[in-house]
């Protein structure tokens, strides 16, 4: 089986074992941590799939006979902290400019002080750090590294960017299983709903383009620096903006094609991501000339 086939099989296995794990994870979480009883079963399904994805990385790596980071295009980075902070500042700075422009055009409004949720920023920062570390290790570290071994450099980057974008639409939306109705095979009942977003082609197209650009920039910075730290910083910065924005402000209902219902949808976010990519390209070019 070629590299693409193995990775497709990997994601099928992630869905299967995630569906198996979701019910016991739901029951254990509700029994041990009362605060988790407010969370719907879908969230436990997502976390179970994440656990399965991490657990199955080892057999996937074994199937490709990967013995070292160097085989994935990675090298030790003594400037790792500077790269993380650079990526974080670049992503946050570009998104801040976007928010200033959107506000000047009247495309969003601040929530009233009583509706703002600054206390939840701690959770946003934790989510940003964990998502950036996990997804960069998985997509740019493991998968892009594998594709680079079996494809041309740019073909590998294009393929991984497309997969990264598509996978963001594979999760259960607008479906609910009541806590009392959760059974051993309830996770499998959610699998058809994981593809429900594909019934909205215009939303898929607009968000796919932005996510593809994000995947391309993260993959490019990984390949050029032979390290995950700059893309981790960029990724964390984007997540902080996407999730933190909703704690303080609300976008208007319809300002397409410039901005949609969230900061990831529309021409304006896409241009902001592209501008961030250009800034990263200039930074890497300057480093290589030193």
Protein backbone atom coordinates (compact mmCIF):
# COMPACT_ATOMS: atom_id res chain seq x y z
CA UNK A 1 0.00 0.00 0.00
CA UNK A 2 1.34 3.46 -0.91
CA UNK A 3 1.68 6.40 1.48
CA UNK A 4 -1.71 7.93 0.62
CA UNK A 5 -3.49 4.59 1.10
CA UNK A 6 -1.87 4.05 4.50
CA UNK A 7 -2.86 7.51 5.69
CA UNK A 8 -6.46 7.05 4.47
CA UNK A 9 -6.58 3.73 6.33
CA UNK A 10 -5.16 5.50 9.39
CA UNK A 11 -8.02 8.02 9.43
CA UNK A 12 -10.62 5.27 8.96
CA UNK A 13 -9.10 3.48 11.96
CA UNK A 14 -9.17 6.74 13.95
CA UNK A 15 -12.93 7.09 13.33
CA UNK A 16 -13.56 3.43 14.18
CA UNK A 17 -11.59 3.33 17.44
CA UNK A 18 -12.75 6.84 18.36
CA UNK A 19 -16.36 5.65 18.04
CA UNK A 20 -15.58 2.64 20.26
CA UNK A 21 -13.85 4.75 22.89
CA UNK A 22 -16.37 7.62 23.03
CA UNK A 23 -19.07 5.97 25.24
CA UNK A 24 -16.73 4.71 28.02
CA UNK A 25 -14.91 8.05 27.93
CA UNK A 26 -18.27 9.82 28.29
CA UNK A 27 -19.35 7.64 31.22
CA UNK A 28 -15.98 7.92 33.00
CA UNK A 29 -15.82 11.68 32.51
CA UNK A 30 -19.34 12.21 33.86
CA UNK A 31 -18.68 9.96 36.85
CA UNK A 32 -15.29 11.40 37.83
CA UNK A 33 -15.65 15.09 36.92
CA UNK A 34 -19.12 16.56 37.57
CA UNK A 35 -18.34 19.68 35.50
CA UNK A 36 -18.09 17.50 32.37
CA UNK A 37 -21.77 16.57 32.66
CA UNK A 38 -22.60 19.81 30.88
CA UNK A 39 -20.65 18.73 27.79
CA UNK A 40 -22.55 16.92 25.01
CA UNK A 41 -21.63 13.43 23.86
CA UNK A 42 -20.27 14.86 20.58
CA UNK A 43 -17.42 16.54 22.45
CA UNK A 44 -16.40 13.24 24.01
CA UNK A 45 -16.52 11.69 20.53
CA UNK A 46 -14.10 14.38 19.29
CA UNK A 47 -11.74 13.79 22.21
CA UNK A 48 -11.92 10.02 21.75
CA UNK A 49 -10.98 10.41 18.08
CA UNK A 50 -8.06 12.58 19.17
CA UNK A 51 -6.85 9.92 21.61
CA UNK A 52 -7.16 7.29 18.88
CA UNK A 53 -5.20 9.51 16.47
CA UNK A 54 -2.32 9.80 18.94
CA UNK A 55 -2.34 6.09 19.85
CA UNK A 56 -2.31 4.99 16.20
CA UNK A 57 0.64 7.20 15.25
CA UNK A 58 3.14 4.61 16.48
CA UNK A 59 1.92 1.73 14.25
CA UNK A 60 1.65 4.21 11.35
CA UNK A 61 5.26 5.26 11.85
CA UNK A 62 6.30 1.60 12.04
CA UNK A 63 4.55 0.89 8.73
CA UNK A 64 6.69 3.57 7.08
CA UNK A 65 9.84 2.29 8.84
CA UNK A 66 10.58 5.72 10.26
CA UNK A 67 13.46 5.55 12.72
CA UNK A 68 14.38 9.20 13.32
CA UNK A 69 13.14 12.77 13.02
CA UNK A 70 15.62 13.39 10.23
CA UNK A 71 13.69 10.97 8.02
CA UNK A 72 10.68 13.28 8.41
CA UNK A 73 12.66 16.35 7.41
CA UNK A 74 13.18 17.60 10.98
CA UNK A 75 16.34 18.82 12.70
CA UNK A 76 17.07 20.09 16.24
CA UNK A 77 16.30 23.80 16.52
CA UNK A 78 18.35 25.69 19.14
CA UNK A 79 16.29 28.83 18.41
CA UNK A 80 12.98 27.10 19.09
CA UNK A 81 11.65 29.66 21.60
CA UNK A 82 12.42 32.57 19.28
CA UNK A 83 10.65 30.77 16.43
CA UNK A 84 7.56 30.10 18.56
CA UNK A 85 7.35 33.73 19.67
CA UNK A 86 8.00 34.99 16.13
CA UNK A 87 5.21 32.86 14.72
CA UNK A 88 2.87 33.86 17.52
CA UNK A 89 3.58 37.60 17.07
CA UNK A 90 3.26 37.42 13.27
CA UNK A 91 -0.11 35.65 13.36
CA UNK A 92 -1.52 37.84 16.15
CA UNK A 93 -0.26 41.04 14.53
CA UNK A 94 -1.85 40.28 11.15
CA UNK A 95 -5.15 39.27 12.73
CA UNK A 96 -5.15 42.42 14.87
CA UNK A 97 -4.86 44.51 11.70
CA UNK A 98 -7.78 42.55 10.24
CA UNK A 99 -9.91 43.26 13.31
CA UNK A 100 -9.09 46.98 13.18
CA UNK A 101 -10.16 47.11 9.52
CA UNK A 102 -13.35 45.15 10.18
CA UNK A 103 -14.24 47.39 13.09
CA UNK A 104 -13.66 50.55 11.04
CA UNK A 105 -16.06 49.19 8.41
CA UNK A 106 -18.68 48.35 11.02
CA UNK A 107 -18.49 44.60 10.36
CA UNK A 108 -18.49 43.64 14.04
CA UNK A 109 -19.51 45.08 17.37
CA UNK A 110 -18.20 44.66 20.90
CA UNK A 111 -20.30 42.63 23.28
CA UNK A 112 -21.67 44.44 26.31
CA UNK A 113 -19.36 44.22 29.37
CA UNK A 114 -21.69 41.74 31.08
CA UNK A 115 -21.58 39.43 28.04
CA UNK A 116 -17.80 39.51 27.60
CA UNK A 117 -15.92 36.50 28.96
CA UNK A 118 -12.28 37.43 29.67
CA UNK A 119 -12.00 34.65 32.26
CA UNK A 120 -12.28 32.11 29.44
CA UNK A 121 -9.07 33.38 27.84
CA UNK A 122 -7.09 30.94 29.99
CA UNK A 123 -8.97 28.09 28.35
CA UNK A 124 -8.40 29.69 24.93
CA UNK A 125 -4.63 29.84 25.52
CA UNK A 126 -4.55 26.24 26.70
CA UNK A 127 -6.57 25.10 23.69
CA UNK A 128 -4.33 27.06 21.32
CA UNK A 129 -1.16 25.52 22.75
CA UNK A 130 -2.47 21.95 22.76
CA UNK A 131 -4.05 22.17 19.28
CA UNK A 132 -0.94 23.74 17.77
CA UNK A 133 1.41 21.15 19.30
CA UNK A 134 -0.76 18.19 18.38
CA UNK A 135 -1.80 19.20 14.86
CA UNK A 136 1.68 20.36 13.84
CA UNK A 137 3.23 17.15 15.15
CA UNK A 138 0.61 15.13 13.29
CA UNK A 139 0.15 17.00 10.00
CA UNK A 140 3.44 18.80 9.38
CA UNK A 141 5.70 16.54 11.43
CA UNK A 142 4.40 13.08 10.57
CA UNK A 143 2.23 13.25 7.43
CA UNK A 144 4.07 15.94 5.48
CA UNK A 145 7.35 14.24 6.34
CA UNK A 146 6.03 10.93 4.99
CA UNK A 147 4.70 12.56 1.81
CA UNK A 148 8.06 14.27 1.23
CA UNK A 149 9.68 10.84 1.15
CA UNK A 150 7.33 9.53 -1.55
CA UNK A 151 6.42 12.65 -3.61
CA UNK A 152 8.01 15.80 -4.92
CA UNK A 153 8.38 18.67 -2.46
CA UNK A 154 5.56 20.83 -3.82
CA UNK A 155 3.25 17.89 -4.58
CA UNK A 156 3.63 16.77 -0.96
CA UNK A 157 2.87 20.28 0.31
CA UNK A 158 -0.21 20.60 -1.93
CA UNK A 159 -1.54 17.17 -0.94
CA UNK A 160 -1.05 17.73 2.78
CA UNK A 161 -2.62 21.20 2.65
CA UNK A 162 -5.71 19.76 0.93
CA UNK A 163 -6.01 16.91 3.45
CA UNK A 164 -5.55 19.33 6.36
CA UNK A 165 -8.36 21.52 5.02
CA UNK A 166 -10.81 18.69 4.28
CA UNK A 167 -10.34 17.04 7.68
CA UNK A 168 -11.57 20.20 9.44
CA UNK A 169 -15.03 19.49 8.01
CA UNK A 170 -15.16 15.91 9.31
CA UNK A 171 -16.81 16.26 12.72
CA UNK A 172 -20.37 15.82 14.00
CA UNK A 173 -22.45 18.99 13.65
CA UNK A 174 -26.09 19.68 14.59
CA UNK A 175 -26.69 16.21 16.04
CA UNK A 176 -27.37 15.40 19.68
CA UNK A 177 -27.47 12.17 21.67
CA UNK A 178 -28.98 12.67 25.12
CA UNK A 179 -26.86 11.53 28.06
CA UNK A 180 -29.41 8.85 29.03
CA UNK A 181 -29.43 7.48 25.48
CA UNK A 182 -25.67 6.88 25.19
CA UNK A 183 -24.96 3.18 24.57
CA UNK A 184 -21.84 1.18 23.69
CA UNK A 185 -22.31 1.79 19.96
CA UNK A 186 -23.53 5.40 20.14
CA UNK A 187 -20.20 6.58 18.76
CA UNK A 188 -20.92 4.82 15.48
CA UNK A 189 -24.26 6.65 15.26
CA UNK A 190 -22.31 9.91 15.04
CA UNK A 191 -20.06 8.84 12.17
CA UNK A 192 -22.57 9.75 9.38
CA UNK A 193 -23.00 13.17 11.01
CA UNK A 194 -19.24 13.78 10.81
CA UNK A 195 -19.69 14.40 7.07
CA UNK A 196 -22.79 16.62 7.38
CA UNK A 197 -20.94 19.86 6.58
CA UNK A 198 -20.32 18.67 3.02
CA UNK A 199 -24.01 19.38 2.31
CA UNK A 200 -23.15 23.12 2.36
CA UNK A 201 -20.90 23.55 -0.70
CA UNK A 202 -20.58 27.36 -0.58
CA UNK A 203 -19.53 27.33 3.07
CA UNK A 204 -17.12 24.48 2.34
CA UNK A 205 -15.58 26.36 -0.58
CA UNK A 206 -15.06 29.63 1.31
CA UNK A 207 -13.61 28.00 4.42
CA UNK A 208 -11.64 25.36 2.47
CA UNK A 209 -9.68 28.09 0.66
CA UNK A 210 -8.61 29.78 3.89
CA UNK A 211 -7.71 26.49 5.58
CA UNK A 212 -5.76 25.40 2.50
CA UNK A 213 -3.74 28.64 2.67
CA UNK A 214 -3.15 28.02 6.39
CA UNK A 215 -1.98 24.47 5.69
CA UNK A 216 0.30 25.65 2.87
CA UNK A 217 1.99 28.32 5.03
CA UNK A 218 2.45 25.97 7.98
CA UNK A 219 3.88 23.27 5.72
CA UNK A 220 6.15 25.72 3.89
CA UNK A 221 7.60 27.13 7.11
CA UNK A 222 8.20 23.60 8.39
CA UNK A 223 10.04 22.56 5.23
CA UNK A 224 12.15 25.73 5.07
CA UNK A 225 13.16 25.74 8.74
CA UNK A 226 13.23 21.92 9.06
CA UNK A 227 11.50 22.47 12.40
CA UNK A 228 7.96 22.61 13.79
CA UNK A 229 8.44 25.56 16.14
CA UNK A 230 7.66 28.42 13.74
CA UNK A 231 4.46 26.72 12.47
CA UNK A 232 3.48 25.91 16.08
CA UNK A 233 3.70 29.62 16.94
CA UNK A 234 1.69 30.61 13.86
CA UNK A 235 -0.96 27.98 14.50
CA UNK A 236 -1.34 28.95 18.16
CA UNK A 237 -1.71 32.62 17.21
CA UNK A 238 -4.47 31.87 14.72
CA UNK A 239 -6.37 29.71 17.21
CA UNK A 240 -6.13 32.40 19.89
CA UNK A 241 -7.64 34.95 17.50
CA UNK A 242 -10.37 32.66 16.15
CA UNK A 243 -11.52 31.55 19.61
CA UNK A 244 -10.70 34.65 21.64
CA UNK A 245 -12.55 37.02 19.31
CA UNK A 246 -15.91 35.49 20.20
CA UNK A 247 -15.32 36.16 23.90
CA UNK A 248 -15.41 39.94 23.30
CA UNK A 249 -17.11 40.70 19.99
CA UNK A 250 -19.66 39.49 17.47
CA UNK A 251 -19.56 39.63 13.68
CA UNK A 252 -22.49 40.93 11.66
CA UNK A 253 -24.83 38.41 10.08
CA UNK A 254 -24.01 38.95 6.40
CA UNK A 255 -20.97 40.73 5.04
CA UNK A 256 -19.97 38.15 2.47
CA UNK A 257 -17.87 37.83 0.41
CA UNK A 258 -15.53 39.85 2.66
CA UNK A 259 -16.29 38.26 6.02
CA UNK A 260 -18.62 35.44 7.03
CA UNK A 261 -20.02 34.28 10.34
CA UNK A 262 -16.52 33.71 11.79
CA UNK A 263 -13.00 35.05 11.34
CA UNK A 264 -11.99 32.13 9.10
CA UNK A 265 -14.59 32.73 6.38
CA UNK A 266 -14.37 35.30 3.61
CA UNK A 267 -11.94 37.17 1.37
CA UNK A 268 -10.62 39.39 4.19
CA UNK A 269 -9.38 36.48 6.37
CA UNK A 270 -7.88 34.81 3.29
CA UNK A 271 -5.94 37.95 2.37
CA UNK A 272 -4.78 38.25 5.98
CA UNK A 273 -3.48 34.67 5.94
CA UNK A 274 -1.70 35.29 2.63
CA UNK A 275 -0.12 38.47 4.05
CA UNK A 276 1.08 36.42 7.04
CA UNK A 277 2.60 33.89 4.65
CA UNK A 278 4.45 36.65 2.77
CA UNK A 279 5.83 37.95 6.06
CA UNK A 280 7.06 34.44 6.93
CA UNK A 281 8.63 34.05 3.48
CA UNK A 282 10.52 37.34 3.91
CA UNK A 283 11.67 36.32 7.39
CA UNK A 284 12.96 32.94 6.22
CA UNK A 285 14.64 34.52 3.19
CA UNK A 286 16.42 37.03 5.43
CA UNK A 287 17.61 34.24 7.73
CA UNK A 288 18.99 32.21 4.84
CA UNK A 289 21.03 35.22 3.66
CA UNK A 290 22.64 35.76 7.07
